[in-house]
Amino acid sequence: MTTRRIFVSRSLGVAVLGGTMPSFFARAAFAQALPSAGATIDPRNVLVVVQMGGGNDGLNTVVPYGDDDYHRVRPTIALEAAKVLRIDDRIGLNPVMTGLSELYKQGHVAIVQGVGYPNPNRSHFEATQIWETASIDRPSSTGWLGRYLDRSVAGPPAPQNLFNAVALGDTLPSALMAQHVDVPAIGALNQFGLNAGKDPATKTTAGALYDGALPGQSPYLSLIQETSREALHGGDLLKAKIAGYQRAASYPSDPFSQQLALAAQIAGSDIGTKVIFVSIGSFDTHAGQRAQQDRLLGYLSSGLLAFYKDLEAHGCADRVTLMTFSEFGRRVAQNASNGTDHGTAMPLFIAGGKVKGGVYGTHPSLVDLDNGDLRFSTDFRAVYATVLEKWLGRDPAGVIAGSFENLPFV
């Protein structure tokens, strides 16, 4: 049975993952690299993935304000047509999403409609695992981004970069679970590193221990030493690598926007990072949906606008693409608590300087339903496959099971 090992410094440390043998040894047997899918793709491209945790209601995000059925089944929580940020004569964005609307008008945002998969799962945990592992039929011990990393950056000839991928948060998401690549989870840059307590002597002793590997010692001791060295020195190393990047935009003070500010520092510093994972939530709006979802969508929208402006000012918006996802959408009709329950399909946003903006796919029908839920029209794995091939420049065949046509948003 495949196992995982995780070493985490208690306050935002380094998460190190392995397969049936520790990744320190497994690197010698790393998987065959994914073939490049396009020589014209910039090898410095960065993918930023935003998880909208909790199951975001797509109908109050990309709003079918021109559809009478929308207002009929949501008499209390429907958004007023006069306030919607209109995209066309049928759909528009939630009124709090002025920042995203600005980017959309500039051609930097693609909206992919009706995203889902066959036989959808409505459990938060299981649905999240499906989206993060891209495995809809059986559990997987690795995430879709972890498999990409295993096949593109693991092993010789070059030593592994500790920051090939970064999760901005206290825990490592399943999407970044890999067999041969170690991925740090960083909640706050000034706290990232080994938690050695308040006694400075403890850190000094740890440094002498972890930096002092001797030939002939147990390989497992070497593994512990390597993992601990990364936790001990990783924070200082990352700070040094991104120190030259100064914010060129004013970010809101909410935690999500501050995570994006750090993501811009990492992506804009050109330190070899390929993937950055950020999260915002919870969008689990069973009761009183309007206040909770509007607040979070406002954070998402204003944070993305600041993020793009920051990167644009540094001349690197063209090599950073951001995509959102949530584990499921919500049901079409509102419930008795002025909220919505777990549903199925939803829209995704793709943003970046090289994104071909616009609406992709048609808005799902509000009358042709699957037992009260929207029918999906775009498989989420097609979005993943497109990002892998057209943005990260790798054949998705070794990462995503099945064959999916590319979408033209990039």
Protein backbone atom coordinates (compact mmCIF):
# COMPACT_ATOMS: atom_id res chain seq x y z
CA MET A 1 0.00 0.00 0.00
CA THR A 2 1.31 3.42 -0.91
CA THR A 3 2.11 5.55 2.11
CA ARG A 4 2.73 9.24 2.62
CA ARG A 5 5.23 10.85 4.91
CA ILE A 6 4.66 14.38 6.03
CA PHE A 7 7.09 16.46 8.05
CA VAL A 8 5.52 19.71 9.10
CA SER A 9 6.97 22.37 11.32
CA ARG A 10 4.11 23.11 13.66
CA SER A 11 3.52 26.65 12.51
CA LEU A 12 3.68 26.45 8.74
CA GLY A 13 6.53 24.18 8.00
CA VAL A 14 7.65 22.09 5.06
CA ALA A 15 5.45 19.23 3.92
CA VAL A 16 7.49 16.46 2.31
CA LEU A 17 5.74 13.67 0.48
CA GLY A 18 6.79 10.29 -0.73
CA GLY A 19 5.57 7.09 -2.29
CA THR A 20 6.31 3.55 -1.19
CA MET A 21 9.85 4.61 -0.35
CA PRO A 22 10.88 8.02 0.96
CA SER A 23 11.25 10.59 -1.79
CA PHE A 24 14.88 11.21 -0.83
CA PHE A 25 15.69 7.73 -2.21
CA ALA A 26 12.91 7.57 -4.76
CA ARG A 27 14.46 10.42 -6.75
CA ALA A 28 16.95 7.93 -8.09
CA ALA A 29 14.03 6.11 -9.69
CA PHE A 30 11.96 9.10 -10.75
CA ALA A 31 9.30 8.66 -13.37
CA GLN A 32 9.99 9.27 -17.02
CA ALA A 33 9.73 12.97 -17.75
CA LEU A 34 6.69 14.25 -19.59
CA PRO A 35 7.53 15.18 -23.16
CA SER A 36 7.41 18.86 -23.96
CA ALA A 37 4.22 19.84 -25.77
CA GLY A 38 5.47 23.00 -27.38
CA ALA A 39 8.86 24.59 -27.92
CA THR A 40 7.32 28.08 -28.12
CA ILE A 41 5.97 27.98 -24.57
CA ASP A 42 8.00 30.05 -22.11
CA PRO A 43 9.67 27.64 -19.64
CA ARG A 44 9.29 30.31 -16.95
CA ASN A 45 5.48 30.14 -17.08
CA VAL A 46 3.78 29.90 -13.68
CA LEU A 47 0.36 28.46 -12.88
CA VAL A 48 -1.49 29.85 -9.86
CA VAL A 49 -4.40 27.66 -8.71
CA VAL A 50 -7.10 29.19 -6.49
CA GLN A 51 -9.32 26.82 -4.56
CA MET A 52 -12.73 28.29 -3.72
CA GLY A 53 -13.35 25.88 -0.88
CA GLY A 54 -16.78 24.84 0.30
CA GLY A 55 -18.65 24.63 -3.00
CA ASN A 56 -19.23 28.00 -4.66
CA ASP A 57 -22.67 28.87 -6.02
CA GLY A 58 -22.07 29.52 -9.69
CA LEU A 59 -25.49 31.01 -10.39
CA ASN A 60 -24.82 33.96 -8.10
CA THR A 61 -21.28 34.32 -9.44
CA VAL A 62 -21.89 34.30 -13.18
CA VAL A 63 -25.50 35.39 -12.99
CA PRO A 64 -28.14 34.45 -15.60
CA TYR A 65 -29.97 37.70 -14.84
CA GLY A 66 -31.85 37.58 -18.15
CA ASP A 67 -33.42 34.20 -17.39
CA ASP A 68 -36.86 34.42 -15.76
CA ASP A 69 -36.40 30.98 -14.24
CA TYR A 70 -33.42 32.24 -12.23
CA HIS A 71 -35.58 34.84 -10.49
CA ARG A 72 -38.46 32.38 -10.09
CA VAL A 73 -36.51 29.68 -8.21
CA ARG A 74 -34.51 32.20 -6.15
CA PRO A 75 -37.12 34.73 -4.99
CA THR A 76 -34.99 35.94 -2.06
CA ILE A 77 -31.35 35.43 -3.01
CA ALA A 78 -31.45 36.25 -6.73
CA LEU A 79 -29.31 39.23 -7.72
CA GLU A 80 -31.13 42.25 -9.12
CA ALA A 81 -30.75 42.49 -12.88
CA ALA A 82 -30.11 46.24 -12.70
CA LYS A 83 -27.06 45.72 -10.46
CA VAL A 84 -25.37 42.82 -12.28
CA LEU A 85 -22.12 43.63 -14.08
CA ARG A 86 -23.34 42.65 -17.53
CA ILE A 87 -21.35 40.50 -19.92
CA ASP A 88 -24.12 40.14 -22.49
CA ASP A 89 -27.92 40.27 -22.58
CA ARG A 90 -28.25 37.09 -20.52
CA ILE A 91 -25.36 36.75 -18.07
CA GLY A 92 -23.25 39.03 -15.90
CA LEU A 93 -20.98 39.01 -12.87
CA ASN A 94 -22.01 39.42 -9.26
CA PRO A 95 -22.05 43.19 -8.50
CA VAL A 96 -19.25 42.85 -5.92
CA MET A 97 -16.86 41.57 -8.60
CA THR A 98 -15.87 44.93 -10.05
CA GLY A 99 -12.17 44.05 -10.10
CA LEU A 100 -12.70 40.86 -12.07
CA SER A 101 -15.11 42.69 -14.36
CA GLU A 102 -12.39 45.24 -15.10
CA LEU A 103 -9.95 42.48 -16.02
CA TYR A 104 -12.60 40.77 -18.13
CA LYS A 105 -13.23 43.96 -20.10
CA GLN A 106 -9.47 44.22 -20.72
CA GLY A 107 -9.52 40.71 -22.23
CA HIS A 108 -7.54 39.07 -19.44
CA VAL A 109 -10.26 36.75 -18.04
CA ALA A 110 -11.85 33.65 -19.53
CA ILE A 111 -15.07 32.28 -18.02
CA VAL A 112 -15.55 28.56 -18.57
CA GLN A 113 -19.22 27.67 -18.11
CA GLY A 114 -20.86 24.52 -16.76
CA VAL A 115 -17.74 22.74 -15.52
CA GLY A 116 -18.15 19.36 -13.84
CA TYR A 117 -17.82 15.62 -14.47
CA PRO A 118 -20.04 12.51 -14.86
CA ASN A 119 -21.84 11.15 -11.78
CA PRO A 120 -20.83 14.05 -9.53
CA ASN A 121 -20.11 13.58 -5.85
CA ARG A 122 -21.68 15.99 -3.33
CA SER A 123 -19.49 15.22 -0.33
CA HIS A 124 -17.05 18.05 0.45
CA PHE A 125 -14.14 15.71 1.17
CA GLU A 126 -14.70 13.23 -1.64
CA ALA A 127 -15.52 15.88 -4.24
CA THR A 128 -12.42 17.86 -3.30
CA GLN A 129 -10.32 14.72 -3.67
CA ILE A 130 -11.80 14.13 -7.12
CA TRP A 131 -10.98 17.65 -8.29
CA GLU A 132 -7.51 17.67 -6.74
CA THR A 133 -6.46 14.23 -7.96
CA ALA A 134 -8.37 14.34 -11.28
CA SER A 135 -9.48 10.79 -10.54
CA ILE A 136 -13.26 10.33 -10.66
CA ASP A 137 -13.44 6.53 -10.48
CA ARG A 138 -11.05 5.44 -7.73
CA PRO A 139 -8.86 7.08 -5.08
CA SER A 140 -5.40 8.28 -6.05
CA SER A 141 -2.46 8.83 -3.71
CA THR A 142 -1.11 11.67 -5.85
CA GLY A 143 -2.61 14.92 -7.07
CA TRP A 144 -2.79 16.06 -10.68
CA LEU A 145 -0.23 18.80 -10.05
CA GLY A 146 1.92 16.39 -8.05
CA ARG A 147 2.03 14.02 -11.01
CA TYR A 148 2.97 16.91 -13.28
CA LEU A 149 5.83 17.79 -10.92
CA ASP A 150 6.97 14.16 -10.68
CA ARG A 151 7.24 13.96 -14.45
CA SER A 152 8.72 17.36 -15.18
CA VAL A 153 11.04 18.53 -12.40
CA ALA A 154 11.99 15.49 -10.28
CA GLY A 155 15.46 14.01 -10.15
CA PRO A 156 18.76 14.54 -11.99
CA PRO A 157 20.53 16.02 -13.84
CA ALA A 158 19.79 19.23 -11.88
CA PRO A 159 19.31 19.20 -8.11
CA GLN A 160 15.71 19.65 -7.05
CA ASN A 161 14.53 23.19 -6.41
CA LEU A 162 12.72 23.32 -3.05
CA PHE A 163 10.36 25.88 -4.57
CA ASN A 164 9.29 24.10 -7.77
CA ALA A 165 5.80 24.36 -6.31
CA VAL A 166 4.47 26.14 -3.24
CA ALA A 167 1.22 25.87 -1.30
CA LEU A 168 0.33 29.11 0.47
CA GLY A 169 -1.41 27.83 3.57
CA ASP A 170 -0.91 25.72 6.68
CA THR A 171 -1.45 22.36 4.97
CA LEU A 172 -0.50 20.77 1.68
CA PRO A 173 -3.48 20.19 -0.66
CA SER A 174 -4.00 16.81 -2.28
CA ALA A 175 -3.48 18.45 -5.68
CA LEU A 176 0.25 18.80 -4.87
CA MET A 177 0.75 15.33 -3.42
CA ALA A 178 3.74 13.89 -5.28
CA GLN A 179 5.94 10.83 -5.04
CA HIS A 180 9.30 12.34 -5.92
CA VAL A 181 9.00 16.10 -5.36
CA ASP A 182 8.97 17.85 -1.99
CA VAL A 183 6.53 20.77 -1.77
CA PRO A 184 6.56 23.35 1.05
CA ALA A 185 3.38 24.63 2.65
CA ILE A 186 3.83 28.27 3.68
CA GLY A 187 1.22 30.08 5.72
CA ALA A 188 3.21 33.26 6.37
CA LEU A 189 6.64 34.06 5.06
CA ASN A 190 7.99 35.38 8.36
CA GLN A 191 7.01 32.14 10.09
CA PHE A 192 8.15 29.70 7.40
CA GLY A 193 10.89 27.39 8.66
CA LEU A 194 11.67 24.93 11.42
CA ASN A 195 9.66 25.46 14.60
CA ALA A 196 12.45 25.34 17.17
CA GLY A 197 10.56 27.11 19.94
CA LYS A 198 11.63 30.32 21.67
CA ASP A 199 15.05 29.14 22.78
CA PRO A 200 17.66 30.34 20.22
CA ALA A 201 20.02 27.61 21.42
CA THR A 202 17.56 25.03 20.13
CA LYS A 203 17.84 26.35 16.57
CA THR A 204 21.63 26.48 16.83
CA THR A 205 21.72 22.88 18.03
CA ALA A 206 19.30 21.82 15.30
CA GLY A 207 21.50 23.45 12.68
CA ALA A 208 24.58 21.63 13.92
CA LEU A 209 22.69 18.33 13.95
CA TYR A 210 20.90 18.63 10.60
CA ASP A 211 23.84 20.13 8.71
CA GLY A 212 26.30 17.56 10.04
CA ALA A 213 25.49 14.37 8.15
CA LEU A 214 28.36 11.89 8.24
CA PRO A 215 29.22 9.25 5.62
CA GLY A 216 28.04 5.77 6.51
CA GLN A 217 25.18 6.82 8.74
CA SER A 218 21.75 5.27 8.35
CA PRO A 219 20.10 6.39 5.09
CA TYR A 220 16.96 7.13 7.09
CA LEU A 221 18.95 9.47 9.31
CA SER A 222 20.16 11.16 6.13
CA LEU A 223 16.52 11.48 5.06
CA ILE A 224 15.57 13.11 8.35
CA GLN A 225 18.56 15.41 8.12
CA GLU A 226 17.72 16.51 4.58
CA THR A 227 14.07 17.13 5.43
CA SER A 228 15.01 19.04 8.57
CA ARG A 229 17.63 21.12 6.77
CA GLU A 230 14.98 22.21 4.30
CA ALA A 231 12.71 23.28 7.16
CA LEU A 232 15.59 24.96 9.00
CA HIS A 233 16.96 26.95 6.08
CA GLY A 234 13.98 27.08 3.68
CA GLY A 235 12.47 30.24 5.12
CA ASP A 236 15.72 32.18 4.90
CA LEU A 237 16.34 30.85 1.40
CA LEU A 238 12.91 31.88 0.11
CA LYS A 239 13.14 35.32 1.70
CA ALA A 240 16.50 35.87 0.03
CA LYS A 241 15.24 34.72 -3.37
CA ILE A 242 12.25 37.06 -3.45
CA ALA A 243 13.73 40.00 -1.55
CA GLY A 244 14.25 42.04 -4.69
CA TYR A 245 10.56 42.02 -5.66
CA GLN A 246 8.69 45.03 -4.28
CA ARG A 247 4.91 45.26 -4.53
CA ALA A 248 3.73 47.55 -7.30
CA ALA A 249 0.03 47.44 -6.41
CA SER A 250 -2.04 48.09 -3.33
CA TYR A 251 -3.51 44.83 -2.02
CA PRO A 252 -6.58 44.67 0.22
CA SER A 253 -5.90 43.58 3.79
CA ASP A 254 -7.92 40.36 3.78
CA PRO A 255 -5.92 37.10 4.14
CA PHE A 256 -6.63 35.89 0.60
CA SER A 257 -5.34 39.08 -1.01
CA GLN A 258 -2.24 38.94 1.18
CA GLN A 259 -1.64 35.36 -0.01
CA LEU A 260 -1.86 36.63 -3.59
CA ALA A 261 0.66 39.35 -2.76
CA LEU A 262 3.12 36.64 -1.68
CA ALA A 263 2.22 34.59 -4.77
CA ALA A 264 3.12 37.59 -6.95
CA GLN A 265 6.47 37.91 -5.18
CA ILE A 266 7.26 34.26 -5.79
CA ALA A 267 6.00 34.18 -9.39
CA GLY A 268 7.59 37.50 -10.27
CA SER A 269 11.00 36.66 -8.80
CA ASP A 270 11.67 33.97 -11.43
CA ILE A 271 13.02 31.42 -8.92
CA GLY A 272 11.90 28.38 -10.89
CA THR A 273 8.48 27.99 -9.29
CA LYS A 274 6.01 26.35 -11.66
CA VAL A 275 2.89 26.04 -9.49
CA ILE A 276 1.48 28.14 -6.63
CA PHE A 277 -1.64 26.97 -4.77
CA VAL A 278 -3.86 29.46 -2.90
CA SER A 279 -7.25 28.99 -1.24
CA ILE A 280 -10.23 31.08 -0.17
CA GLY A 281 -13.43 30.07 1.59
CA SER A 282 -15.71 28.84 2.91
CA PHE A 283 -18.32 29.05 0.18
CA ASP A 284 -20.58 26.49 1.93
CA THR A 285 -23.61 28.77 1.95
CA HIS A 286 -26.51 26.70 3.27
CA ALA A 287 -28.02 29.70 5.09
CA GLY A 288 -27.91 33.44 4.56
CA GLN A 289 -25.94 33.01 1.35
CA ARG A 290 -25.88 36.54 0.01
CA ALA A 291 -23.80 38.12 2.78
CA GLN A 292 -21.24 35.31 3.01
CA GLN A 293 -20.76 34.68 -0.70
CA ASP A 294 -20.73 38.36 -1.65
CA ARG A 295 -18.02 39.05 0.92
CA LEU A 296 -15.83 36.21 -0.36
CA LEU A 297 -16.39 37.02 -4.03
CA GLY A 298 -15.42 40.60 -3.25
CA TYR A 299 -12.14 39.39 -1.74
CA LEU A 300 -11.54 37.14 -4.75
CA SER A 301 -12.24 39.90 -7.26
CA SER A 302 -10.28 42.73 -5.65
CA GLY A 303 -7.39 40.41 -4.83
CA LEU A 304 -7.13 39.21 -8.43
CA LEU A 305 -7.15 42.76 -9.76
CA ALA A 306 -4.30 43.79 -7.43
CA PHE A 307 -2.42 40.60 -8.30
CA TYR A 308 -2.64 41.26 -12.03
CA LYS A 309 -1.70 44.95 -11.71
CA ASP A 310 1.31 44.01 -9.56
CA LEU A 311 2.59 41.46 -12.07
CA GLU A 312 1.87 43.78 -15.01
CA ALA A 313 3.90 46.56 -13.43
CA HIS A 314 6.84 44.15 -13.13
CA GLY A 315 6.50 43.05 -16.76
CA CYS A 316 5.64 39.45 -15.94
CA ALA A 317 1.83 39.25 -16.25
CA ASP A 318 2.31 37.40 -19.55
CA ARG A 319 3.99 34.44 -17.89
CA VAL A 320 1.52 33.93 -15.02
CA THR A 321 -1.88 32.32 -15.48
CA LEU A 322 -4.38 31.87 -12.65
CA MET A 323 -7.27 29.41 -12.57
CA THR A 324 -10.02 28.88 -10.00
CA PHE A 325 -11.92 25.77 -8.98
CA SER A 326 -14.41 24.66 -6.33
CA GLU A 327 -15.40 21.11 -5.37
CA PHE A 328 -18.96 21.59 -6.62
CA GLY A 329 -21.57 24.22 -7.35
CA ARG A 330 -24.92 24.62 -5.58
CA ARG A 331 -28.46 23.52 -6.35
CA VAL A 332 -30.54 25.69 -8.66
CA ALA A 333 -33.36 26.53 -6.25
CA GLN A 334 -32.75 28.31 -2.98
CA ASN A 335 -33.57 26.50 0.26
CA ALA A 336 -35.77 27.58 3.18
CA SER A 337 -32.82 29.25 4.93
CA ASN A 338 -32.10 31.70 2.10
CA GLY A 339 -29.13 29.61 1.06
CA THR A 340 -28.35 26.82 -1.39
CA ASP A 341 -27.41 23.19 -0.87
CA HIS A 342 -24.70 21.07 -2.49
CA GLY A 343 -25.04 20.87 -6.24
CA THR A 344 -22.98 20.13 -9.33
CA ALA A 345 -21.64 22.22 -12.22
CA MET A 346 -20.17 25.73 -11.89
CA PRO A 347 -18.12 28.31 -13.81
CA LEU A 348 -14.33 28.58 -13.54
CA PHE A 349 -12.20 31.68 -14.11
CA ILE A 350 -8.89 31.72 -16.00
CA ALA A 351 -6.93 34.98 -15.74
CA GLY A 352 -3.61 36.22 -17.07
CA GLY A 353 -1.82 38.35 -19.60
CA LYS A 354 -1.79 35.59 -22.23
CA VAL A 355 -5.35 34.38 -21.59
CA LYS A 356 -7.77 34.70 -24.48
CA GLY A 357 -10.62 36.39 -22.66
CA GLY A 358 -14.28 35.68 -23.20
CA VAL A 359 -16.99 33.17 -22.33
CA TYR A 360 -16.39 29.52 -23.19
CA GLY A 361 -19.35 27.20 -23.33
CA THR A 362 -23.00 28.01 -22.79
CA HIS A 363 -24.67 28.75 -19.49
CA PRO A 364 -26.38 25.60 -18.19
CA SER A 365 -30.14 25.31 -18.57
CA LEU A 366 -32.18 26.11 -15.46
CA VAL A 367 -35.06 23.86 -16.55
CA ASP A 368 -33.31 20.83 -18.09
CA LEU A 369 -31.98 19.64 -14.74
CA ASP A 370 -30.55 16.48 -13.24
CA ASN A 371 -32.83 16.01 -10.22
CA GLY A 372 -32.67 19.70 -9.38
CA ASP A 373 -29.02 20.16 -10.34
CA LEU A 374 -27.29 21.73 -13.33
CA ARG A 375 -26.02 19.43 -16.06
CA PHE A 376 -22.33 19.90 -16.77
CA SER A 377 -21.14 20.66 -20.29
CA THR A 378 -17.34 20.92 -19.82
CA ASP A 379 -15.32 18.23 -18.08
CA PHE A 380 -12.93 19.79 -15.55
CA ARG A 381 -10.20 17.45 -16.79
CA ALA A 382 -10.33 19.21 -20.16
CA VAL A 383 -9.47 22.45 -18.36
CA TYR A 384 -6.56 20.72 -16.60
CA ALA A 385 -5.33 19.13 -19.82
CA THR A 386 -5.41 22.49 -21.59
CA VAL A 387 -3.42 24.17 -18.83
CA LEU A 388 -0.84 21.39 -18.78
CA GLU A 389 -0.29 21.35 -22.53
CA LYS A 390 -0.85 24.95 -23.58
CA TRP A 391 0.53 26.76 -20.54
CA LEU A 392 3.00 24.46 -18.79
CA GLY A 393 4.11 22.89 -22.06
CA ARG A 394 3.71 19.24 -21.09
CA ASP A 395 1.77 16.37 -22.61
CA PRO A 396 -1.15 15.73 -20.23
CA ALA A 397 -1.32 12.02 -21.08
CA GLY A 398 0.92 11.02 -18.19
CA VAL A 399 -1.00 13.16 -15.72
CA ILE A 400 -4.71 13.08 -16.65
CA ALA A 401 -6.36 9.75 -17.44
CA GLY A 402 -8.38 9.87 -20.64
CA SER A 403 -8.28 12.09 -23.70
CA PHE A 404 -9.72 15.60 -23.68
CA GLU A 405 -9.80 18.29 -26.32
CA ASN A 406 -8.01 21.52 -25.52
CA LEU A 407 -10.08 24.60 -24.81
CA PRO A 408 -8.99 27.78 -26.67
CA PHE A 409 -8.65 30.07 -23.63
CA VAL A 410 -4.86 29.99 -23.82
